[in-house]
Amino acid sequence: MQPRTAFQSKTIVTDLVLPSETNPINNLFGGELLARMDRAASIAARRHSRRIVVTASVNHVAFNRSVPLGSVVTIEAKVSRAFTSSMEVYMDVWIEDRESGECIKANEAIYTFVAVDETGRPVKVPELVPETELEKERFDAALRRKQLSLVLAGKMKPSNATELKALFE
């Protein structure tokens, strides 16, 4: 199985915020943004694995800026790290300023997907080779996030979480 780059999984989804997708103060519902991010991330994970993928977890979401009615929203998703059958997908969410056209980062999120076969059983995915400095940072941080998740779930002893321990040494 040939390793792949984050660029090969890059997915960009651009859409408009419509009135039926907003709350009473005319901002995009958080759940609507989560669904859009889930779709973008699933495409990125599928591009990396070339398999059916299922959402395993929403690891992190930061709603740093509201997304007003009428905004053009762009979600950029890339696989940040691949493990045995799972892939972490990192997303940046941008809002295009209506007048200047400038793109402002509004939110970010990290989802985890698992590649499966036609019966729903996990299957191996290609390794990810980071290329840019940002990709390398996200790649390294993905292992720490995975170890933390495993420790919190009781599936890994804290003493075995070497990447986490290294942060405190």
C-alpha atoms as a PDB file:
ATOM      1  CA  MET A   1       0.000   0.000   0.000  1.00  0.00           C
ATOM      2  CA  GLN A   2       1.567   3.262  -1.156  1.00  0.00           C
ATOM      3  CA  PRO A   3       1.818   6.099   1.394  1.00  0.00           C
ATOM      4  CA  ARG A   4      -0.185   9.216   0.555  1.00  0.00           C
ATOM      5  CA  THR A   5       0.189  12.901   1.297  1.00  0.00           C
ATOM      6  CA  ALA A   6      -2.268  15.212   3.020  1.00  0.00           C
ATOM      7  CA  PHE A   7      -2.580  17.134  -0.235  1.00  0.00           C
ATOM      8  CA  GLN A   8      -3.990  14.033  -1.927  1.00  0.00           C
ATOM      9  CA  SER A   9      -6.893  14.035   0.538  1.00  0.00           C
ATOM     10  CA  LYS A  10      -7.517  17.787   0.405  1.00  0.00           C
ATOM     11  CA  THR A  11     -11.203  18.563   0.145  1.00  0.00           C
ATOM     12  CA  ILE A  12     -12.697  22.018  -0.202  1.00  0.00           C
ATOM     13  CA  VAL A  13     -16.430  22.536   0.261  1.00  0.00           C
ATOM     14  CA  THR A  14     -17.876  26.001  -0.313  1.00  0.00           C
ATOM     15  CA  ASP A  15     -21.490  26.875   0.398  1.00  0.00           C
ATOM     16  CA  LEU A  16     -23.806  29.764   1.234  1.00  0.00           C
ATOM     17  CA  VAL A  17     -25.587  30.227   4.586  1.00  0.00           C
ATOM     18  CA  LEU A  18     -29.337  30.343   3.937  1.00  0.00           C
ATOM     19  CA  PRO A  19     -32.144  31.581   6.243  1.00  0.00           C
ATOM     20  CA  SER A  20     -33.421  28.069   7.032  1.00  0.00           C
ATOM     21  CA  GLU A  21     -29.954  27.173   8.434  1.00  0.00           C
ATOM     22  CA  THR A  22     -29.734  30.003  10.956  1.00  0.00           C
ATOM     23  CA  ASN A  23     -30.734  30.563  14.569  1.00  0.00           C
ATOM     24  CA  PRO A  24     -32.901  33.476  15.818  1.00  0.00           C
ATOM     25  CA  ILE A  25     -29.937  35.894  15.662  1.00  0.00           C
ATOM     26  CA  ASN A  26     -29.234  34.972  12.021  1.00  0.00           C
ATOM     27  CA  ASN A  27     -26.081  32.921  12.558  1.00  0.00           C
ATOM     28  CA  LEU A  28     -25.481  29.447  11.148  1.00  0.00           C
ATOM     29  CA  PHE A  29     -26.632  26.698  13.539  1.00  0.00           C
ATOM     30  CA  GLY A  30     -23.652  24.904  15.088  1.00  0.00           C
ATOM     31  CA  GLY A  31     -25.203  21.561  14.170  1.00  0.00           C
ATOM     32  CA  GLU A  32     -25.461  22.618  10.533  1.00  0.00           C
ATOM     33  CA  LEU A  33     -21.767  23.496  10.513  1.00  0.00           C
ATOM     34  CA  LEU A  34     -20.954  20.153  12.181  1.00  0.00           C
ATOM     35  CA  ALA A  35     -22.844  18.312   9.426  1.00  0.00           C
ATOM     36  CA  ARG A  36     -21.045  20.252   6.695  1.00  0.00           C
ATOM     37  CA  MET A  37     -17.702  19.491   8.341  1.00  0.00           C
ATOM     38  CA  ASP A  38     -18.635  15.796   8.646  1.00  0.00           C
ATOM     39  CA  ARG A  39     -19.315  15.604   4.919  1.00  0.00           C
ATOM     40  CA  ALA A  40     -16.087  17.414   3.989  1.00  0.00           C
ATOM     41  CA  ALA A  41     -14.032  15.273   6.382  1.00  0.00           C
ATOM     42  CA  SER A  42     -15.591  12.050   5.109  1.00  0.00           C
ATOM     43  CA  ILE A  43     -14.611  12.947   1.550  1.00  0.00           C
ATOM     44  CA  ALA A  44     -11.029  13.655   2.665  1.00  0.00           C
ATOM     45  CA  ALA A  45     -10.866  10.342   4.562  1.00  0.00           C
ATOM     46  CA  ARG A  46     -12.278   8.464   1.591  1.00  0.00           C
ATOM     47  CA  ARG A  47      -9.768  10.097  -0.751  1.00  0.00           C
ATOM     48  CA  HIS A  48      -6.947   8.992   1.522  1.00  0.00           C
ATOM     49  CA  SER A  49      -8.138   5.438   2.119  1.00  0.00           C
ATOM     50  CA  ARG A  50     -10.072   4.793  -1.097  1.00  0.00           C
ATOM     51  CA  ARG A  51     -12.504   2.847   1.087  1.00  0.00           C
ATOM     52  CA  ILE A  52     -15.897   3.320   2.708  1.00  0.00           C
ATOM     53  CA  VAL A  53     -15.402   5.478   5.820  1.00  0.00           C
ATOM     54  CA  VAL A  54     -17.484   6.027   8.930  1.00  0.00           C
ATOM     55  CA  THR A  55     -17.262   8.796  11.495  1.00  0.00           C
ATOM     56  CA  ALA A  56     -15.678   7.417  14.668  1.00  0.00           C
ATOM     57  CA  SER A  57     -15.513  10.615  16.712  1.00  0.00           C
ATOM     58  CA  VAL A  58     -15.679  14.363  16.724  1.00  0.00           C
ATOM     59  CA  ASN A  59     -12.500  15.046  18.672  1.00  0.00           C
ATOM     60  CA  HIS A  60     -12.462  18.810  18.750  1.00  0.00           C
ATOM     61  CA  VAL A  61     -14.567  21.695  17.494  1.00  0.00           C
ATOM     62  CA  ALA A  62     -13.814  25.354  18.098  1.00  0.00           C
ATOM     63  CA  PHE A  63     -16.609  27.775  17.260  1.00  0.00           C
ATOM     64  CA  ASN A  64     -14.390  30.856  17.388  1.00  0.00           C
ATOM     65  CA  ARG A  65     -16.525  33.105  15.225  1.00  0.00           C
ATOM     66  CA  SER A  66     -20.193  33.112  14.342  1.00  0.00           C
ATOM     67  CA  VAL A  67     -21.140  32.555  10.714  1.00  0.00           C
ATOM     68  CA  PRO A  68     -23.762  35.117   9.675  1.00  0.00           C
ATOM     69  CA  LEU A  69     -26.658  34.631   7.301  1.00  0.00           C
ATOM     70  CA  GLY A  70     -25.573  35.132   3.702  1.00  0.00           C
ATOM     71  CA  SER A  71     -21.942  34.232   4.380  1.00  0.00           C
ATOM     72  CA  VAL A  72     -19.914  32.191   1.952  1.00  0.00           C
ATOM     73  CA  VAL A  73     -18.380  29.404   4.062  1.00  0.00           C
ATOM     74  CA  THR A  74     -15.432  27.301   2.920  1.00  0.00           C
ATOM     75  CA  ILE A  75     -14.351  24.154   4.729  1.00  0.00           C
ATOM     76  CA  GLU A  76     -10.892  22.823   3.966  1.00  0.00           C
ATOM     77  CA  ALA A  77     -10.342  19.248   5.168  1.00  0.00           C
ATOM     78  CA  LYS A  78      -7.186  17.117   5.002  1.00  0.00           C
ATOM     79  CA  VAL A  79      -6.131  13.881   6.621  1.00  0.00           C
ATOM     80  CA  SER A  80      -3.602  14.868   9.280  1.00  0.00           C
ATOM     81  CA  ARG A  81      -2.536  11.343  10.270  1.00  0.00           C
ATOM     82  CA  ALA A  82      -3.397   7.758   9.404  1.00  0.00           C
ATOM     83  CA  PHE A  83      -3.184   4.932  11.906  1.00  0.00           C
ATOM     84  CA  THR A  84      -4.006   1.260  11.270  1.00  0.00           C
ATOM     85  CA  SER A  85      -7.597   1.690  10.085  1.00  0.00           C
ATOM     86  CA  SER A  86      -8.401   5.160  11.394  1.00  0.00           C
ATOM     87  CA  MET A  87      -7.606   8.597  10.069  1.00  0.00           C
ATOM     88  CA  GLU A  88      -7.624  11.941  11.799  1.00  0.00           C
ATOM     89  CA  VAL A  89      -9.017  14.718   9.615  1.00  0.00           C
ATOM     90  CA  TYR A  90      -8.237  18.339  10.455  1.00  0.00           C
ATOM     91  CA  MET A  91     -10.521  21.064   9.143  1.00  0.00           C
ATOM     92  CA  ASP A  92     -10.247  24.816   8.850  1.00  0.00           C
ATOM     93  CA  VAL A  93     -13.443  26.804   8.306  1.00  0.00           C
ATOM     94  CA  TRP A  94     -13.260  30.145   6.518  1.00  0.00           C
ATOM     95  CA  ILE A  95     -15.792  32.939   6.054  1.00  0.00           C
ATOM     96  CA  GLU A  96     -15.488  35.164   3.020  1.00  0.00           C
ATOM     97  CA  ASP A  97     -16.028  38.843   3.825  1.00  0.00           C
ATOM     98  CA  ARG A  98     -18.974  39.998   1.718  1.00  0.00           C
ATOM     99  CA  GLU A  99     -17.423  43.287   0.703  1.00  0.00           C
ATOM    100  CA  SER A 100     -13.655  42.782   0.548  1.00  0.00           C
ATOM    101  CA  GLY A 101     -13.636  39.103  -0.424  1.00  0.00           C
ATOM    102  CA  GLU A 102     -11.017  38.482   2.273  1.00  0.00           C
ATOM    103  CA  CYS A 103     -11.202  35.044   3.898  1.00  0.00           C
ATOM    104  CA  ILE A 104     -11.216  34.979   7.695  1.00  0.00           C
ATOM    105  CA  LYS A 105     -10.654  31.786   9.679  1.00  0.00           C
ATOM    106  CA  ALA A 106     -13.792  31.237  11.721  1.00  0.00           C
ATOM    107  CA  ASN A 107     -13.548  27.731  13.132  1.00  0.00           C
ATOM    108  CA  GLU A 108     -11.574  24.519  13.158  1.00  0.00           C
ATOM    109  CA  ALA A 109     -12.328  20.924  13.933  1.00  0.00           C
ATOM    110  CA  ILE A 110     -10.787  17.474  14.166  1.00  0.00           C
ATOM    111  CA  TYR A 111     -12.766  14.343  13.311  1.00  0.00           C
ATOM    112  CA  THR A 112     -11.693  10.706  13.268  1.00  0.00           C
ATOM    113  CA  PHE A 113     -12.857   8.262  10.612  1.00  0.00           C
ATOM    114  CA  VAL A 114     -12.415   4.522  10.253  1.00  0.00           C
ATOM    115  CA  ALA A 115     -12.104   2.796   6.889  1.00  0.00           C
ATOM    116  CA  VAL A 116     -14.318  -0.273   6.589  1.00  0.00           C
ATOM    117  CA  ASP A 117     -15.101  -3.008   4.105  1.00  0.00           C
ATOM    118  CA  GLU A 118     -18.568  -3.778   2.734  1.00  0.00           C
ATOM    119  CA  THR A 119     -19.471  -5.661   5.925  1.00  0.00           C
ATOM    120  CA  GLY A 120     -18.425  -2.803   8.211  1.00  0.00           C
ATOM    121  CA  ARG A 121     -15.172  -4.370   9.404  1.00  0.00           C
ATOM    122  CA  PRO A 122     -12.169  -2.034   9.788  1.00  0.00           C
ATOM    123  CA  VAL A 123      -9.538  -2.258   7.054  1.00  0.00           C
ATOM    124  CA  LYS A 124      -5.959  -1.035   6.844  1.00  0.00           C
ATOM    125  CA  VAL A 125      -5.327   2.430   5.411  1.00  0.00           C
ATOM    126  CA  PRO A 126      -2.224   3.874   3.735  1.00  0.00           C
ATOM    127  CA  GLU A 127       0.359   5.718   5.789  1.00  0.00           C
ATOM    128  CA  LEU A 128       0.290   9.520   5.592  1.00  0.00           C
ATOM    129  CA  VAL A 129       3.471  11.419   4.768  1.00  0.00           C
ATOM    130  CA  PRO A 130       3.288  15.066   5.886  1.00  0.00           C
ATOM    131  CA  GLU A 131       5.042  17.583   3.644  1.00  0.00           C
ATOM    132  CA  THR A 132       4.555  21.137   4.945  1.00  0.00           C
ATOM    133  CA  GLU A 133       5.491  22.456   8.391  1.00  0.00           C
ATOM    134  CA  LEU A 134       1.801  22.757   9.329  1.00  0.00           C
ATOM    135  CA  GLU A 135       1.143  19.188   8.165  1.00  0.00           C
ATOM    136  CA  LYS A 136       4.106  17.976  10.249  1.00  0.00           C
ATOM    137  CA  GLU A 137       2.814  19.824  13.339  1.00  0.00           C
ATOM    138  CA  ARG A 138      -0.672  18.371  12.919  1.00  0.00           C
ATOM    139  CA  PHE A 139       0.772  14.908  12.213  1.00  0.00           C
ATOM    140  CA  ASP A 140       2.813  14.924  15.449  1.00  0.00           C
ATOM    141  CA  ALA A 141      -0.053  16.328  17.507  1.00  0.00           C
ATOM    142  CA  ALA A 142      -2.411  13.635  16.170  1.00  0.00           C
ATOM    143  CA  LEU A 143      -0.492  10.906  18.008  1.00  0.00           C
ATOM    144  CA  ARG A 144      -0.724  12.855  21.274  1.00  0.00           C
ATOM    145  CA  ARG A 145      -4.468  13.328  20.759  1.00  0.00           C
ATOM    146  CA  LYS A 146      -4.905   9.630  20.034  1.00  0.00           C
ATOM    147  CA  GLN A 147      -2.956   8.616  23.124  1.00  0.00           C
ATOM    148  CA  LEU A 148      -4.980  11.019  25.280  1.00  0.00           C
ATOM    149  CA  SER A 149      -8.208   9.597  23.884  1.00  0.00           C
ATOM    150  CA  LEU A 150      -7.061   6.036  24.588  1.00  0.00           C
ATOM    151  CA  VAL A 151      -5.998   6.925  28.149  1.00  0.00           C
ATOM    152  CA  LEU A 152      -9.332   8.643  28.854  1.00  0.00           C
ATOM    153  CA  ALA A 153     -11.221   5.643  27.451  1.00  0.00           C
ATOM    154  CA  GLY A 154      -9.223   3.269  29.677  1.00  0.00           C
ATOM    155  CA  LYS A 155      -7.694   1.538  26.652  1.00  0.00           C
ATOM    156  CA  MET A 156      -4.128   2.673  27.375  1.00  0.00           C
ATOM    157  CA  LYS A 157      -2.232   3.008  30.622  1.00  0.00           C
ATOM    158  CA  PRO A 158      -0.995   6.571  31.205  1.00  0.00           C
ATOM    159  CA  SER A 159       2.507   5.181  31.670  1.00  0.00           C
ATOM    160  CA  ASN A 160       2.401   3.874  28.077  1.00  0.00           C
ATOM    161  CA  ALA A 161       1.398   7.233  26.602  1.00  0.00           C
ATOM    162  CA  THR A 162       4.944   8.122  25.609  1.00  0.00           C
ATOM    163  CA  GLU A 163       4.073  11.119  23.449  1.00  0.00           C
ATOM    164  CA  LEU A 164       1.977  12.660  26.214  1.00  0.00           C
ATOM    165  CA  LYS A 165       4.633  12.023  28.858  1.00  0.00           C
ATOM    166  CA  ALA A 166       7.242  13.689  26.647  1.00  0.00           C
ATOM    167  CA  LEU A 167       5.292  16.953  26.862  1.00  0.00           C
ATOM    168  CA  PHE A 168       5.935  17.089  30.617  1.00  0.00           C
ATOM    169  CA  GLU A 169       9.541  15.951  30.749  1.00  0.00           C
END
